[in-house]
Amino acid sequence: MIVAEVVRSGFVESVHHGVVAIHGQPGFGDVDTPFFPRSSNKPLQTVGLLTAGLVPREEADLALVSASHDGEPFHVERVRAILAAAGLGPEALRCPADLPLGETAQRDWLRGGGEPERILMNCSGKHAGFLATCVVNGWPLESYLEVDHPLQKALADAVSRLSGEPIAALGVDGCGAPIFAISPNGLARAFLHLVEAEPGTPERRVADAMRAHPELVAGTGSEDTVLMGAVPGLIVKRGADGVHAAAVAGAGAVALKISDGSARARVPVLLAALRRLGLDVPDLPEVVLGGGRPVGEVRAVF
């Protein structure tokens, strides 16, 4: 179904189809058909890491392990510290070399003559958490991304348990790690488990770390950082190809997928869904430009 439209100079020039699951309310579109949650899956995987024995240096590390970070210096140094605590260096990472995800961080890196590196990749925190968990358990390091590795089996179990669904399909994410297909309803259900879990449980530790350190989950000024700083109790996690998920204890949870994978429709649709939960969320307009000035917007239509 159509969930967003692009308005230019008062004229609707494009539309985006998608699905929106709102826990405890009727959804929009087919919210029970499995999809790949992409990086919105990361907090669930971090729960799996804790269950498998990960011992973080400090709770803030759990936010970075759950992150799609912007590659700012404080992100990179924390990834390096997580690896060092496990007796490893950046060369142990198996994610692809990349430039920082954040525009400012990328520009600064390139101005300094920097080139793509694995530790700069937005998933490097997750991979550092993978490796640290393997070290704790004595599991092989070279093959930690293989789907039959004990680590990945533990993560699949965690995603299935939290979502309340069997894994519908397996794929390879952009960072090279296995990705597990569940439904939008399942993803929303899993996020709600995180925020409503008892204090001290793996689920609640991940949620609390994300809320306490939103800048580690995304980056300075990123939409997820801004939203978690503005809405008490909110956890939110973006994902590639038009995915977003969020939850607040006592209010509910949402998970969405923009069918064409567009990033520009994600935030307007997410904000509309959060408002349906009764939450007071800030305006984060997705502006349409013409001649270098605002002439329209991308807006939710449900």
Protein backbone atom coordinates (compact mmCIF):
# COMPACT_ATOMS: atom_id res chain seq x y z
CA MET A 1 0.00 0.00 0.00
CA ILE A 2 1.06 3.63 -0.42
CA VAL A 3 2.59 4.89 2.83
CA ALA A 4 4.30 8.10 1.69
CA GLU A 5 4.11 10.65 -1.07
CA VAL A 6 6.60 13.14 -2.44
CA VAL A 7 5.11 16.61 -2.85
CA ARG A 8 6.84 19.19 -5.04
CA SER A 9 5.35 22.69 -5.29
CA GLY A 10 2.02 21.38 -4.03
CA PHE A 11 1.90 18.56 -6.61
CA VAL A 12 2.32 14.87 -5.75
CA GLU A 13 5.04 13.67 -8.11
CA SER A 14 5.97 10.31 -6.55
CA VAL A 15 4.69 7.77 -4.03
CA HIS A 16 6.33 5.09 -1.92
CA HIS A 17 4.69 1.77 -1.11
CA GLY A 18 5.49 -0.10 2.06
CA VAL A 19 4.32 -1.91 5.17
CA VAL A 20 4.02 -0.58 8.72
CA ALA A 21 3.52 -2.86 11.73
CA ILE A 22 2.23 -1.17 14.90
CA HIS A 23 2.19 -3.56 17.83
CA GLY A 24 -1.27 -3.82 19.34
CA GLN A 25 -2.91 -1.90 16.48
CA PRO A 26 -3.92 -2.77 12.93
CA GLY A 27 -0.97 -2.46 10.60
CA PHE A 28 -0.68 -1.05 7.12
CA GLY A 29 0.13 -3.46 4.31
CA ASP A 30 1.13 -7.10 4.69
CA VAL A 31 2.83 -7.03 8.08
CA ASP A 32 3.08 -10.83 8.37
CA THR A 33 5.19 -11.53 5.27
CA PRO A 34 8.87 -12.04 6.17
CA PHE A 35 11.49 -9.54 5.09
CA PHE A 36 15.15 -8.85 5.90
CA PRO A 37 15.30 -6.33 8.78
CA ARG A 38 18.86 -5.40 7.78
CA SER A 39 20.56 -3.31 10.48
CA SER A 40 17.36 -2.96 12.49
CA ASN A 41 18.23 -6.54 13.43
CA LYS A 42 21.36 -5.48 15.34
CA PRO A 43 19.88 -4.92 18.81
CA LEU A 44 18.42 -8.43 18.65
CA GLN A 45 21.81 -9.82 17.70
CA THR A 46 23.42 -7.99 20.62
CA VAL A 47 20.98 -9.74 22.95
CA GLY A 48 22.18 -12.99 21.39
CA LEU A 49 25.80 -12.03 22.03
CA LEU A 50 25.11 -11.38 25.72
CA THR A 51 23.23 -14.65 26.01
CA ALA A 52 26.20 -16.41 24.42
CA GLY A 53 28.60 -14.98 26.99
CA LEU A 54 29.77 -11.56 25.77
CA VAL A 55 31.18 -9.53 28.67
CA PRO A 56 31.37 -5.87 27.57
CA ARG A 57 34.07 -3.62 28.99
CA GLU A 58 31.25 -1.23 29.91
CA GLU A 59 27.55 -1.04 29.13
CA ALA A 60 28.09 1.73 26.56
CA ASP A 61 29.83 -0.82 24.34
CA LEU A 62 26.47 -2.56 23.85
CA ALA A 63 25.15 0.57 22.12
CA LEU A 64 28.02 0.51 19.64
CA VAL A 65 27.70 -3.23 19.04
CA SER A 66 24.04 -2.51 18.14
CA ALA A 67 24.97 0.42 15.92
CA SER A 68 25.11 1.52 12.34
CA HIS A 69 27.61 4.16 13.38
CA ASP A 70 28.64 7.20 11.38
CA GLY A 71 32.37 6.49 11.66
CA GLU A 72 33.16 9.49 13.84
CA PRO A 73 36.44 9.32 15.77
CA PHE A 74 34.74 8.37 19.03
CA HIS A 75 33.03 5.45 17.26
CA VAL A 76 36.25 4.19 15.73
CA GLU A 77 38.22 4.42 18.96
CA ARG A 78 35.58 2.47 20.88
CA VAL A 79 35.59 -0.29 18.25
CA ARG A 80 39.36 -0.42 18.58
CA ALA A 81 39.04 -0.66 22.37
CA ILE A 82 36.49 -3.51 22.18
CA LEU A 83 38.85 -5.45 19.94
CA ALA A 84 41.88 -4.70 22.12
CA ALA A 85 40.07 -5.93 25.23
CA ALA A 86 39.60 -9.25 23.40
CA GLY A 87 43.30 -9.34 22.47
CA LEU A 88 42.57 -8.51 18.82
CA GLY A 89 43.29 -5.76 16.33
CA PRO A 90 41.28 -4.30 13.41
CA GLU A 91 42.80 -6.90 11.09
CA ALA A 92 40.53 -9.52 12.70
CA LEU A 93 37.42 -7.79 11.34
CA ARG A 94 35.76 -9.50 8.36
CA CYS A 95 33.45 -6.67 7.35
CA PRO A 96 34.44 -4.94 4.10
CA ALA A 97 36.63 -1.84 4.07
CA ASP A 98 34.56 1.32 3.79
CA LEU A 99 34.51 5.05 4.36
CA PRO A 100 32.64 6.59 7.32
CA LEU A 101 28.87 6.54 6.86
CA GLY A 102 28.34 10.07 8.18
CA GLU A 103 28.84 12.86 5.65
CA THR A 104 30.92 15.05 7.97
CA ALA A 105 33.06 12.17 9.20
CA GLN A 106 33.61 10.98 5.63
CA ARG A 107 34.58 14.43 4.43
CA ASP A 108 37.02 14.91 7.29
CA TRP A 109 38.54 11.48 6.71
CA LEU A 110 39.06 12.09 3.00
CA ARG A 111 40.50 15.55 3.60
CA GLY A 112 43.11 13.92 5.80
CA GLY A 113 44.08 11.57 3.00
CA GLY A 114 42.27 8.58 4.49
CA GLU A 115 41.17 5.54 2.52
CA PRO A 116 38.52 2.88 3.18
CA GLU A 117 39.22 0.70 6.22
CA ARG A 118 37.31 -2.12 7.86
CA ILE A 119 37.15 -0.37 11.21
CA LEU A 120 35.38 2.60 9.58
CA MET A 121 32.55 0.44 8.22
CA ASN A 122 29.25 1.24 9.97
CA CYS A 123 28.90 -2.38 11.15
CA SER A 124 32.38 -2.63 12.67
CA GLY A 125 31.00 -2.36 16.20
CA LYS A 126 28.78 -5.37 15.60
CA HIS A 127 31.67 -7.32 14.15
CA ALA A 128 33.85 -6.39 17.13
CA GLY A 129 31.11 -7.78 19.37
CA PHE A 130 31.00 -10.93 17.27
CA LEU A 131 34.73 -11.44 17.66
CA ALA A 132 34.75 -10.70 21.41
CA THR A 133 32.03 -13.30 21.92
CA CYS A 134 34.01 -15.85 19.92
CA VAL A 135 37.08 -15.22 22.09
CA VAL A 136 35.06 -15.76 25.29
CA ASN A 137 33.79 -19.10 23.98
CA GLY A 138 36.94 -20.27 22.23
CA TRP A 139 35.12 -20.34 18.91
CA PRO A 140 37.00 -20.01 15.59
CA LEU A 141 37.65 -16.42 14.56
CA GLU A 142 38.35 -16.73 10.85
CA SER A 143 34.96 -18.29 10.09
CA TYR A 144 32.73 -16.24 12.41
CA LEU A 145 30.55 -15.07 9.49
CA GLU A 146 29.70 -18.59 8.29
CA VAL A 147 26.04 -19.46 8.84
CA ASP A 148 26.92 -22.78 10.52
CA HIS A 149 29.35 -21.15 12.97
CA PRO A 150 28.28 -21.53 16.64
CA LEU A 151 28.06 -17.74 16.93
CA GLN A 152 25.62 -17.38 14.06
CA LYS A 153 23.50 -20.27 15.31
CA ALA A 154 23.23 -18.51 18.67
CA LEU A 155 22.22 -15.25 16.99
CA ALA A 156 19.58 -16.96 14.86
CA ASP A 157 18.13 -18.52 18.02
CA ALA A 158 17.97 -15.10 19.69
CA VAL A 159 16.23 -13.44 16.73
CA SER A 160 13.70 -16.27 16.53
CA ARG A 161 13.02 -16.20 20.27
CA LEU A 162 12.58 -12.43 20.49
CA SER A 163 10.40 -12.16 17.38
CA GLY A 164 8.30 -15.19 18.31
CA GLU A 165 8.77 -16.59 14.81
CA PRO A 166 10.94 -19.15 13.04
CA ILE A 167 13.58 -17.74 10.75
CA ALA A 168 11.91 -17.64 7.34
CA ALA A 169 15.02 -17.21 5.21
CA LEU A 170 18.76 -16.64 5.45
CA GLY A 171 20.72 -14.06 3.50
CA VAL A 172 24.02 -12.20 3.50
CA ASP A 173 23.88 -8.64 4.81
CA GLY A 174 25.90 -5.77 3.35
CA CYS A 175 28.61 -6.29 5.96
CA GLY A 176 28.95 -9.98 5.09
CA ALA A 177 27.15 -11.32 8.18
CA PRO A 178 24.14 -13.63 7.95
CA ILE A 179 20.78 -11.83 8.03
CA PHE A 180 17.62 -13.54 9.27
CA ALA A 181 14.20 -12.92 7.74
CA ILE A 182 11.25 -12.31 10.05
CA SER A 183 8.02 -10.37 9.59
CA PRO A 184 7.49 -6.67 10.39
CA ASN A 185 5.15 -7.80 13.16
CA GLY A 186 7.91 -10.03 14.50
CA LEU A 187 10.44 -7.20 14.45
CA ALA A 188 8.05 -4.87 16.30
CA ARG A 189 7.37 -7.63 18.84
CA ALA A 190 11.09 -8.15 19.38
CA PHE A 191 11.74 -4.44 19.97
CA LEU A 192 8.92 -4.35 22.51
CA HIS A 193 10.54 -7.28 24.34
CA LEU A 194 13.73 -5.24 24.68
CA VAL A 195 12.12 -2.21 26.33
CA GLU A 196 9.69 -4.17 28.52
CA ALA A 197 12.19 -6.73 29.82
CA GLU A 198 13.20 -6.83 33.48
CA PRO A 199 16.22 -4.71 34.47
CA GLY A 200 19.48 -6.61 34.23
CA THR A 201 18.32 -9.04 31.56
CA PRO A 202 20.21 -9.10 28.25
CA GLU A 203 17.22 -7.53 26.51
CA ARG A 204 16.94 -4.65 28.94
CA ARG A 205 20.71 -4.09 29.05
CA VAL A 206 20.72 -3.54 25.29
CA ALA A 207 17.74 -1.18 25.43
CA ASP A 208 19.19 0.77 28.35
CA ALA A 209 22.59 1.13 26.63
CA MET A 210 20.98 2.42 23.43
CA ARG A 211 18.90 4.97 25.34
CA ALA A 212 21.81 6.12 27.47
CA HIS A 213 24.20 6.47 24.52
CA PRO A 214 22.17 7.29 21.38
CA GLU A 215 25.17 8.98 19.77
CA LEU A 216 26.89 5.58 19.68
CA VAL A 217 23.92 3.92 17.96
CA ALA A 218 24.07 6.29 14.98
CA GLY A 219 26.03 9.53 15.18
CA THR A 220 26.00 13.21 15.95
CA GLY A 221 22.78 14.72 14.62
CA SER A 222 21.55 11.47 13.01
CA GLU A 223 17.81 10.87 13.12
CA ASP A 224 18.03 7.91 15.52
CA THR A 225 20.25 9.92 17.88
CA VAL A 226 17.89 12.90 17.81
CA LEU A 227 14.78 10.79 18.38
CA MET A 228 16.19 8.84 21.32
CA GLY A 229 17.36 12.10 22.88
CA ALA A 230 13.95 13.70 22.45
CA VAL A 231 11.52 10.90 23.37
CA PRO A 232 11.91 9.42 26.88
CA GLY A 233 12.28 5.63 26.88
CA LEU A 234 12.51 5.29 23.10
CA ILE A 235 14.83 2.91 21.31
CA VAL A 236 15.03 3.22 17.53
CA LYS A 237 17.23 1.58 14.92
CA ARG A 238 17.51 2.33 11.23
CA GLY A 239 18.24 -0.31 8.62
CA ALA A 240 19.27 -0.31 4.97
CA ASP A 241 16.76 -0.60 2.16
CA GLY A 242 14.02 1.38 3.85
CA VAL A 243 13.76 -0.36 7.23
CA HIS A 244 13.17 1.23 10.63
CA ALA A 245 12.03 -0.08 14.03
CA ALA A 246 11.29 1.55 17.38
CA ALA A 247 9.67 0.89 20.75
CA VAL A 248 8.72 2.53 24.04
CA ALA A 249 7.63 0.52 27.09
CA GLY A 250 3.94 1.06 27.83
CA ALA A 251 3.28 2.67 24.46
CA GLY A 252 4.14 0.00 21.90
CA ALA A 253 6.45 -0.69 18.99
CA VAL A 254 6.60 -0.13 15.25
CA ALA A 255 8.52 -1.70 12.39
CA LEU A 256 8.39 -0.57 8.79
CA LYS A 257 9.74 -1.38 5.36
CA ILE A 258 9.62 0.96 2.37
CA SER A 259 9.11 -1.42 -0.53
CA ASP A 260 11.47 0.27 -2.99
CA GLY A 261 14.20 0.53 -0.36
CA SER A 262 14.10 4.32 -0.32
CA ALA A 263 15.71 6.00 2.66
CA ARG A 264 13.88 9.30 2.15
CA ALA A 265 10.48 7.85 3.13
CA ARG A 266 11.67 6.06 6.27
CA VAL A 267 11.64 8.87 8.80
CA PRO A 268 8.32 10.52 7.80
CA VAL A 269 6.61 7.13 7.98
CA LEU A 270 8.32 6.26 11.28
CA LEU A 271 7.24 9.54 12.87
CA ALA A 272 3.65 9.04 11.74
CA ALA A 273 3.63 5.54 13.22
CA LEU A 274 5.10 6.74 16.52
CA ARG A 275 2.44 9.45 16.72
CA ARG A 276 -0.22 6.75 16.34
CA LEU A 277 1.22 5.29 19.55
CA GLY A 278 0.48 8.62 21.21
CA LEU A 279 4.11 9.72 21.41
CA ASP A 280 5.19 13.35 21.15
CA VAL A 281 7.96 13.19 18.57
CA PRO A 282 9.94 16.05 17.02
CA ASP A 283 9.48 17.14 13.44
CA LEU A 284 12.30 15.84 11.26
CA PRO A 285 11.18 17.02 7.82
CA GLU A 286 12.37 15.30 4.68
CA VAL A 287 12.63 18.35 2.45
CA VAL A 288 12.23 18.41 -1.32
CA LEU A 289 14.50 21.00 -2.93
CA GLY A 290 14.08 23.05 -6.04
CA GLY A 291 16.73 25.52 -7.10
CA GLY A 292 18.49 24.92 -3.81
CA ARG A 293 15.52 25.93 -1.67
CA PRO A 294 12.68 23.96 -0.02
CA VAL A 295 9.70 23.51 -2.35
CA GLY A 296 8.02 20.46 -0.84
CA GLU A 297 8.34 17.45 1.40
CA VAL A 298 8.08 13.70 1.73
CA ARG A 299 5.09 12.95 3.96
CA ALA A 300 3.31 9.92 5.35
CA VAL A 301 -0.19 9.33 4.04
CA PHE A 302 -1.67 6.79 6.48
